[in-house]
Amino acid sequence: MNKVPLLNLTRQFETISEEVNAAVLQVLGSGGYIGGPAVSNFEQQFAAYTGTSECIGCNSGTDALFLALRALEIGPGDEVIAPPFTFFATAEVISAVGATPVFVDIDANTFNLDLNLIEAAITEKTRAIIPVHLFGQPVDMTRLMAIAEAHSLAVIEDCAQATGAEWTGQKVGSIGHIGCFSFYPTKNLGAAGDGGAITTNDPAIAANIRMLKEHGSRARYYHEAIGMNSRLDAVQAVVLQIKLRFLDTWNQQRQQIAERYQQLLSRIPHIVPPQEISGGRSVWNQYTIRLVNSPDAPSHLSREPGALQDWVRNELQSRGVGSIVYYPLPLHLQSVYRDLGYQPGQLPVSEQMCHEVLSLPMFPELSAEDQDQVIYSLKDCLATAVESQS
């Protein structure tokens, strides 16, 4: 059997290599590596794609979130609501501006914020909510925006894994007050290095972000705030311009792969396939299953949380199939947040998901033969686990 990687970036590059190489060489030959028409053109195209009036390129998705909080003047004494089941950057930026992350548990069906729990977490110090469209699955933004409006809160959409995802036909990043995107190479729209962008329909917010990302300066050498250096460079911008033209096609291929996974995995014991939320369109940055114990689960695997997860991941690796756990430890239990006082069991769904989730190979160029091997390997390793107890 051939090996099936979790992700293969070279297959995608091979389909657009001539155009990308020519565009990059043109930038290198121009000497215009920072800013310029390459960056401004991409910003205009990405704003049009997301359905927003403003787009500001920056160095990373992390910087995008940080700049969004800074632009809203969120800082010491403020609280920001976020999920604990996500990449660290979502909470890290809250702490970096001096505010306090308030973690709200997730929904087991969507892996996103449980909107039923939001209002109980709001205090007089709450300034914003950061919904994460995790694994490419959109949050119910209609309901979330209604909650935010009722409490006069800002909404910063973390769209790092969800470029092109939609809620009721509207692109994520255009519904909240600010949208934050990552162009890390593994994302649906990935650069050839780091990159990010911020979208908004508020020109005042956009102007503030542009000032902050340029060392707090609107006019060169004149500074009105302590800002930072966060630029999307021209090489990344031309790569992203080319890839943006193919993004919808690639996302459609991901959707087709996900649908095939759904069909093939639906009747395998111990596996709960992910589901799209009604009203949403996922772009499947990750295809993440849950591995759940049941009465007929092998006893030696069912005694400890995560035992079945570990078994399957190791067995898949031995069969040449890539997989990964996003995420093995929720943010509220990370050592850096010990002082916040969260205790094990306090956010039970997030903690449970960390012991159950496993992301399978997912990229637009994944072949049907690759998928068949993933499914066969899953069935085989689960059968082996059960047979070892008989």
Protein backbone atom coordinates (compact mmCIF):
# COMPACT_ATOMS: atom_id res chain seq x y z
CA MET A 1 0.00 0.00 0.00
CA ASN A 2 1.05 3.57 -0.63
CA LYS A 3 1.40 5.98 2.26
CA VAL A 4 -1.43 8.48 2.68
CA PRO A 5 -0.21 11.74 4.24
CA LEU A 6 -2.37 13.94 6.41
CA LEU A 7 -1.64 16.77 4.00
CA ASN A 8 0.24 17.09 0.71
CA LEU A 9 1.02 20.65 -0.42
CA THR A 10 3.17 19.68 -3.38
CA ARG A 11 0.27 18.12 -5.30
CA GLN A 12 -1.52 21.46 -5.29
CA PHE A 13 1.59 23.42 -6.19
CA GLU A 14 2.23 21.19 -9.21
CA THR A 15 -1.10 22.30 -10.73
CA ILE A 16 -0.23 26.01 -10.58
CA SER A 17 3.57 25.96 -10.50
CA GLU A 18 4.21 27.70 -13.82
CA GLU A 19 1.96 30.64 -12.98
CA VAL A 20 3.26 30.93 -9.42
CA ASN A 21 6.90 30.74 -10.47
CA ALA A 22 6.41 33.44 -13.10
CA ALA A 23 4.58 35.75 -10.68
CA VAL A 24 7.16 35.32 -7.93
CA LEU A 25 10.06 35.93 -10.31
CA GLN A 26 8.35 39.08 -11.55
CA VAL A 27 8.12 40.39 -7.98
CA LEU A 28 11.73 39.48 -7.27
CA GLY A 29 12.84 41.21 -10.44
CA SER A 30 10.84 44.34 -9.63
CA GLY A 31 12.60 45.00 -6.33
CA GLY A 32 9.23 45.85 -4.76
CA TYR A 33 9.06 43.32 -1.96
CA ILE A 34 7.05 45.21 0.68
CA GLY A 35 3.66 46.73 -0.08
CA GLY A 36 2.95 48.01 -3.55
CA PRO A 37 0.37 46.92 -6.11
CA ALA A 38 0.77 43.19 -5.44
CA VAL A 39 -0.44 43.62 -1.87
CA SER A 40 -3.11 46.23 -2.57
CA ASN A 41 -4.50 44.17 -5.45
CA PHE A 42 -4.79 41.10 -3.26
CA GLU A 43 -6.45 43.10 -0.49
CA GLN A 44 -9.06 44.37 -2.95
CA GLN A 45 -9.67 40.90 -4.37
CA PHE A 46 -9.96 39.28 -0.95
CA ALA A 47 -12.36 41.97 0.27
CA ALA A 48 -14.53 41.31 -2.78
CA TYR A 49 -14.35 37.56 -2.19
CA THR A 50 -15.44 37.82 1.44
CA GLY A 51 -18.07 40.45 0.72
CA THR A 52 -16.48 43.17 2.84
CA SER A 53 -15.52 46.73 2.04
CA GLU A 54 -12.11 46.60 3.73
CA CYS A 55 -9.22 44.14 3.83
CA ILE A 56 -5.82 44.68 5.44
CA GLY A 57 -3.04 42.18 4.83
CA CYS A 58 -0.76 41.34 7.73
CA ASN A 59 1.96 38.92 8.77
CA SER A 60 -0.16 36.09 10.22
CA GLY A 61 -3.53 35.04 11.55
CA THR A 62 -2.20 35.63 15.05
CA ASP A 63 -1.30 39.21 14.18
CA ALA A 64 -4.76 39.65 12.65
CA LEU A 65 -6.43 38.72 15.93
CA PHE A 66 -4.02 40.88 17.95
CA LEU A 67 -4.57 43.90 15.70
CA ALA A 68 -8.34 43.43 15.87
CA LEU A 69 -8.28 43.60 19.66
CA ARG A 70 -5.94 46.59 19.63
CA ALA A 71 -8.14 48.41 17.11
CA LEU A 72 -11.12 47.97 19.44
CA GLU A 73 -8.99 49.31 22.34
CA ILE A 74 -9.45 46.13 24.35
CA GLY A 75 -6.87 45.80 27.11
CA PRO A 76 -6.25 45.45 30.87
CA GLY A 77 -9.42 45.05 32.90
CA ASP A 78 -11.42 43.76 29.92
CA GLU A 79 -12.72 40.24 29.33
CA VAL A 80 -13.08 38.45 26.01
CA ILE A 81 -15.11 35.27 25.56
CA ALA A 82 -13.49 32.47 23.54
CA PRO A 83 -13.68 28.68 23.20
CA PRO A 84 -11.05 26.53 24.93
CA PHE A 85 -11.05 23.96 22.11
CA THR A 86 -8.99 25.78 19.49
CA PHE A 87 -5.43 26.72 18.62
CA PHE A 88 -3.61 28.66 21.34
CA ALA A 89 -3.39 31.89 19.32
CA THR A 90 -7.09 32.62 19.87
CA ALA A 91 -6.53 33.07 23.61
CA GLU A 92 -2.90 34.14 23.41
CA VAL A 93 -3.77 37.43 21.72
CA ILE A 94 -6.34 38.23 24.41
CA SER A 95 -3.64 37.87 27.03
CA ALA A 96 -1.12 39.72 24.87
CA VAL A 97 -3.23 42.90 24.90
CA GLY A 98 -3.62 42.61 28.68
CA ALA A 99 -7.22 41.40 28.69
CA THR A 100 -8.53 38.20 30.30
CA PRO A 101 -9.82 35.24 28.27
CA VAL A 102 -13.09 33.80 29.54
CA PHE A 103 -13.51 30.29 28.24
CA VAL A 104 -16.95 28.99 27.30
CA ASP A 105 -17.48 25.32 26.50
CA ILE A 106 -18.22 23.98 23.04
CA ASP A 107 -20.98 21.98 21.39
CA ALA A 108 -19.99 18.35 20.76
CA ASN A 109 -21.72 18.25 17.38
CA THR A 110 -20.04 21.29 15.85
CA PHE A 111 -16.83 21.67 17.93
CA ASN A 112 -17.73 25.38 18.08
CA LEU A 113 -18.86 27.63 20.94
CA ASP A 114 -22.00 26.42 22.68
CA LEU A 115 -24.17 29.49 22.21
CA ASN A 116 -26.47 28.34 25.00
CA LEU A 117 -23.67 29.12 27.47
CA ILE A 118 -22.57 32.54 26.21
CA GLU A 119 -24.85 34.86 28.15
CA ALA A 120 -24.06 33.26 31.50
CA ALA A 121 -20.39 34.14 30.91
CA ILE A 122 -21.00 37.83 30.17
CA THR A 123 -20.05 40.29 32.93
CA GLU A 124 -19.70 44.04 33.16
CA LYS A 125 -16.08 43.57 32.03
CA THR A 126 -16.90 41.66 28.84
CA ARG A 127 -15.95 43.60 25.71
CA ALA A 128 -15.93 41.06 22.90
CA ILE A 129 -16.58 37.50 21.75
CA ILE A 130 -14.22 35.56 19.48
CA PRO A 131 -16.13 32.77 17.73
CA VAL A 132 -13.80 30.28 16.04
CA HIS A 133 -15.09 28.65 12.86
CA LEU A 134 -13.21 25.49 13.78
CA PHE A 135 -12.10 22.97 11.15
CA GLY A 136 -13.91 25.08 8.51
CA GLN A 137 -17.35 24.79 10.16
CA PRO A 138 -19.15 28.14 10.61
CA VAL A 139 -20.67 29.23 13.90
CA ASP A 140 -24.37 30.14 13.96
CA MET A 141 -23.62 33.80 13.39
CA THR A 142 -27.25 34.90 13.34
CA ARG A 143 -27.75 33.84 16.91
CA LEU A 144 -24.32 34.96 18.05
CA MET A 145 -24.70 38.45 16.60
CA ALA A 146 -28.08 38.79 18.32
CA ILE A 147 -26.46 37.94 21.66
CA ALA A 148 -23.62 40.38 21.03
CA GLU A 149 -25.95 43.18 20.01
CA ALA A 150 -28.11 42.67 23.09
CA HIS A 151 -25.04 43.18 25.30
CA SER A 152 -23.21 45.77 23.14
CA LEU A 153 -20.27 43.45 22.49
CA ALA A 154 -17.88 43.34 19.58
CA VAL A 155 -17.56 40.12 17.56
CA ILE A 156 -14.17 39.16 16.12
CA GLU A 157 -14.50 36.15 13.84
CA ASP A 158 -11.54 33.77 13.94
CA CYS A 159 -11.67 32.51 10.36
CA ALA A 160 -8.17 30.98 10.34
CA GLN A 161 -9.47 27.55 9.28
CA ALA A 162 -12.55 28.69 7.39
CA THR A 163 -11.71 30.84 4.37
CA GLY A 164 -14.70 30.53 2.05
CA ALA A 165 -17.06 29.03 4.62
CA GLU A 166 -20.56 30.49 4.70
CA TRP A 167 -23.36 31.09 7.15
CA THR A 168 -26.76 31.40 5.42
CA GLY A 169 -25.00 32.29 2.17
CA GLN A 170 -22.73 34.96 3.66
CA LYS A 171 -18.99 34.44 3.85
CA VAL A 172 -17.44 34.18 7.30
CA GLY A 173 -15.40 37.25 8.11
CA SER A 174 -18.13 39.53 6.81
CA ILE A 175 -20.74 39.00 9.53
CA GLY A 176 -18.99 40.05 12.73
CA HIS A 177 -17.42 43.43 13.30
CA ILE A 178 -14.00 42.09 12.27
CA GLY A 179 -12.84 38.93 10.49
CA CYS A 180 -9.36 37.47 11.01
CA PHE A 181 -7.76 35.08 8.53
CA SER A 182 -4.61 32.97 8.46
CA PHE A 183 -2.79 32.09 5.25
CA TYR A 184 -0.47 29.59 6.90
CA PRO A 185 0.38 26.98 4.21
CA THR A 186 -1.92 24.31 5.67
CA LYS A 187 -5.02 26.51 5.39
CA ASN A 188 -7.57 26.30 2.56
CA LEU A 189 -6.06 29.47 1.12
CA GLY A 190 -2.42 28.99 2.03
CA ALA A 191 0.57 31.17 1.24
CA ALA A 192 4.14 29.98 0.65
CA GLY A 193 4.95 31.05 4.21
CA ASP A 194 3.22 33.11 6.87
CA GLY A 195 0.47 35.55 6.05
CA GLY A 196 -2.84 36.86 7.31
CA ALA A 197 -5.61 39.35 6.70
CA ILE A 198 -8.27 41.34 8.52
CA THR A 199 -11.66 42.14 7.00
CA THR A 200 -14.29 44.61 8.15
CA ASN A 201 -17.10 46.82 6.86
CA ASP A 202 -16.15 49.61 9.24
CA PRO A 203 -13.75 52.12 7.62
CA ALA A 204 -12.77 53.57 11.01
CA ILE A 205 -11.71 50.16 12.30
CA ALA A 206 -9.80 49.53 9.05
CA ALA A 207 -7.97 52.85 9.32
CA ASN A 208 -7.03 52.11 12.93
CA ILE A 209 -5.68 48.68 12.00
CA ARG A 210 -3.64 50.09 9.12
CA MET A 211 -2.11 52.61 11.51
CA LEU A 212 -1.32 50.01 14.17
CA LYS A 213 0.27 47.54 11.75
CA GLU A 214 2.68 50.23 10.54
CA HIS A 215 4.30 51.04 13.89
CA GLY A 216 1.36 53.18 14.96
CA SER A 217 1.93 55.54 12.04
CA ARG A 218 -0.39 57.04 9.43
CA ALA A 219 2.33 59.26 7.99
CA ARG A 220 5.89 58.01 7.74
CA TYR A 221 8.04 58.83 10.78
CA TYR A 222 5.07 60.30 12.70
CA HIS A 223 3.69 57.91 15.35
CA GLU A 224 0.50 58.25 17.37
CA ALA A 225 0.39 54.83 19.06
CA ILE A 226 2.62 51.93 20.04
CA GLY A 227 2.02 49.71 17.07
CA MET A 228 3.86 46.83 15.44
CA ASN A 229 5.42 45.74 12.18
CA SER A 230 2.96 43.32 10.56
CA ARG A 231 3.03 43.22 6.79
CA LEU A 232 1.91 40.80 4.13
CA ASP A 233 4.85 40.81 1.72
CA ALA A 234 4.52 41.06 -2.05
CA VAL A 235 5.71 37.53 -2.79
CA GLN A 236 3.00 36.05 -0.56
CA ALA A 237 0.43 38.42 -2.02
CA VAL A 238 0.99 37.26 -5.62
CA VAL A 239 0.90 33.61 -4.55
CA LEU A 240 -2.39 34.26 -2.75
CA GLN A 241 -3.86 36.14 -5.73
CA ILE A 242 -3.30 33.11 -7.93
CA LYS A 243 -4.61 30.65 -5.36
CA LEU A 244 -7.69 32.76 -4.62
CA ARG A 245 -8.94 32.09 -8.16
CA PHE A 246 -8.93 28.36 -7.45
CA LEU A 247 -10.20 28.49 -3.88
CA ASP A 248 -13.87 27.76 -4.55
CA THR A 249 -12.95 24.79 -6.73
CA TRP A 250 -10.61 23.43 -4.08
CA ASN A 251 -13.26 23.91 -1.40
CA GLN A 252 -15.76 22.04 -3.55
CA GLN A 253 -13.28 19.18 -3.84
CA ARG A 254 -12.94 19.16 -0.06
CA GLN A 255 -16.74 19.01 0.22
CA GLN A 256 -16.86 16.01 -2.12
CA ILE A 257 -14.13 14.24 -0.15
CA ALA A 258 -15.98 14.96 3.10
CA GLU A 259 -19.24 13.60 1.68
CA ARG A 260 -17.48 10.41 0.63
CA TYR A 261 -15.94 10.07 4.08
CA GLN A 262 -19.42 10.49 5.57
CA GLN A 263 -20.80 7.64 3.50
CA LEU A 264 -17.89 5.30 4.12
CA LEU A 265 -17.57 5.96 7.85
CA SER A 266 -21.23 6.14 8.85
CA ARG A 267 -21.54 2.49 9.87
CA ILE A 268 -18.14 1.83 11.41
CA PRO A 269 -18.42 1.15 15.16
CA HIS A 270 -16.81 3.62 17.56
CA ILE A 271 -16.63 6.39 14.90
CA VAL A 272 -18.79 9.52 14.92
CA PRO A 273 -18.31 11.45 11.66
CA PRO A 274 -18.51 15.26 11.74
CA GLN A 275 -21.66 16.94 10.49
CA GLU A 276 -22.35 20.28 8.84
CA ILE A 277 -24.45 22.69 10.84
CA SER A 278 -27.85 23.51 9.34
CA GLY A 279 -27.58 26.88 7.62
CA GLY A 280 -23.82 26.61 7.25
CA ARG A 281 -21.39 25.56 4.57
CA SER A 282 -18.16 24.06 5.88
CA VAL A 283 -14.96 24.21 3.86
CA TRP A 284 -13.47 21.20 5.68
CA ASN A 285 -10.05 22.52 6.55
CA GLN A 286 -9.92 19.38 8.67
CA TYR A 287 -12.02 16.24 8.55
CA THR A 288 -12.25 15.37 12.24
CA ILE A 289 -13.95 12.26 13.53
CA ARG A 290 -14.73 11.30 17.12
CA LEU A 291 -13.61 7.94 18.46
CA VAL A 292 -16.09 6.94 21.14
CA ASN A 293 -16.19 4.03 23.52
CA SER A 294 -19.25 1.79 23.68
CA PRO A 295 -20.29 -1.36 25.57
CA ASP A 296 -18.46 -3.58 23.06
CA ALA A 297 -15.27 -1.51 23.07
CA PRO A 298 -12.12 -3.38 24.05
CA SER A 299 -11.84 -3.22 27.82
CA HIS A 300 -8.14 -2.44 27.84
CA LEU A 301 -8.81 0.61 25.66
CA SER A 302 -11.95 1.93 27.36
CA ARG A 303 -10.62 2.41 30.88
CA GLU A 304 -8.64 5.60 30.28
CA PRO A 305 -9.72 8.73 28.41
CA GLY A 306 -8.00 8.92 25.05
CA ALA A 307 -6.92 5.26 24.99
CA LEU A 308 -8.95 4.43 21.89
CA GLN A 309 -7.75 7.64 20.25
CA ASP A 310 -4.11 6.75 20.92
CA TRP A 311 -4.59 3.17 19.71
CA VAL A 312 -6.16 4.20 16.41
CA ARG A 313 -3.64 6.93 15.70
CA ASN A 314 -0.69 4.60 16.32
CA GLU A 315 -2.25 1.82 14.28
CA LEU A 316 -2.94 4.17 11.37
CA GLN A 317 0.65 5.34 11.48
CA SER A 318 1.87 1.74 11.29
CA ARG A 319 -0.28 1.32 8.18
CA GLY A 320 1.12 4.43 6.51
CA VAL A 321 -1.91 6.67 7.09
CA GLY A 322 -1.39 10.14 8.55
CA SER A 323 -3.62 11.54 11.30
CA ILE A 324 -3.36 14.13 14.04
CA VAL A 325 -5.14 15.20 17.22
CA TYR A 326 -6.45 18.76 17.11
CA TYR A 327 -6.27 19.43 20.12
CA PRO A 328 -4.81 17.24 22.88
CA LEU A 329 -5.26 19.71 25.76
CA PRO A 330 -7.93 22.44 26.03
CA LEU A 331 -6.74 25.98 26.61
CA HIS A 332 -8.30 26.36 30.07
CA LEU A 333 -6.07 23.53 31.34
CA GLN A 334 -2.84 24.78 29.76
CA SER A 335 -0.17 25.54 32.37
CA VAL A 336 0.11 29.14 31.20
CA TYR A 337 -3.51 29.71 32.27
CA ARG A 338 -3.27 28.02 35.66
CA ASP A 339 -3.73 31.37 37.40
CA LEU A 340 -7.20 31.75 35.86
CA GLY A 341 -8.38 29.03 38.21
CA TYR A 342 -10.07 26.62 35.83
CA GLN A 343 -10.28 23.05 37.11
CA PRO A 344 -10.53 19.71 35.28
CA GLY A 345 -14.17 18.92 34.64
CA GLN A 346 -15.23 22.56 34.53
CA LEU A 347 -15.61 22.62 30.74
CA PRO A 348 -16.44 18.96 30.20
CA VAL A 349 -17.27 18.87 26.50
CA SER A 350 -13.98 20.47 25.46
CA GLU A 351 -12.10 18.08 27.71
CA GLN A 352 -13.99 15.11 26.30
CA MET A 353 -13.33 16.14 22.70
CA CYS A 354 -9.59 16.30 23.37
CA HIS A 355 -9.74 12.58 24.19
CA GLU A 356 -11.95 11.62 21.23
CA VAL A 357 -11.05 13.66 18.14
CA LEU A 358 -8.82 12.51 15.32
CA SER A 359 -8.29 14.39 12.06
CA LEU A 360 -7.92 12.24 8.95
CA PRO A 361 -6.17 13.06 5.66
CA MET A 362 -7.93 16.00 3.99
CA PHE A 363 -6.74 18.07 1.04
CA PRO A 364 -8.32 18.80 -2.36
CA GLU A 365 -6.05 16.43 -4.26
CA LEU A 366 -6.77 13.42 -2.01
CA SER A 367 -7.69 10.59 -4.39
CA ALA A 368 -10.48 8.05 -4.02
CA GLU A 369 -7.80 5.37 -3.73
CA ASP A 370 -6.20 7.31 -0.86
CA GLN A 371 -9.55 7.55 0.87
CA ASP A 372 -10.21 3.85 0.39
CA GLN A 373 -6.92 3.10 2.08
CA VAL A 374 -7.79 5.40 5.00
CA ILE A 375 -11.15 3.66 5.45
CA TYR A 376 -9.69 0.17 5.12
CA SER A 377 -6.98 1.01 7.65
CA LEU A 378 -9.52 2.39 10.12
CA LYS A 379 -11.71 -0.70 9.84
CA ASP A 380 -8.72 -2.97 10.14
CA CYS A 381 -7.19 -1.35 13.20
CA LEU A 382 -10.53 -1.19 15.03
CA ALA A 383 -11.18 -4.84 14.21
CA THR A 384 -7.72 -5.70 15.48
CA ALA A 385 -8.44 -3.91 18.73
CA VAL A 386 -11.63 -5.88 19.26
CA GLU A 387 -10.11 -9.22 18.22
CA SER A 388 -7.27 -8.76 20.67
CA GLN A 389 -9.86 -9.11 23.45
CA SER A 390 -11.57 -12.21 22.12
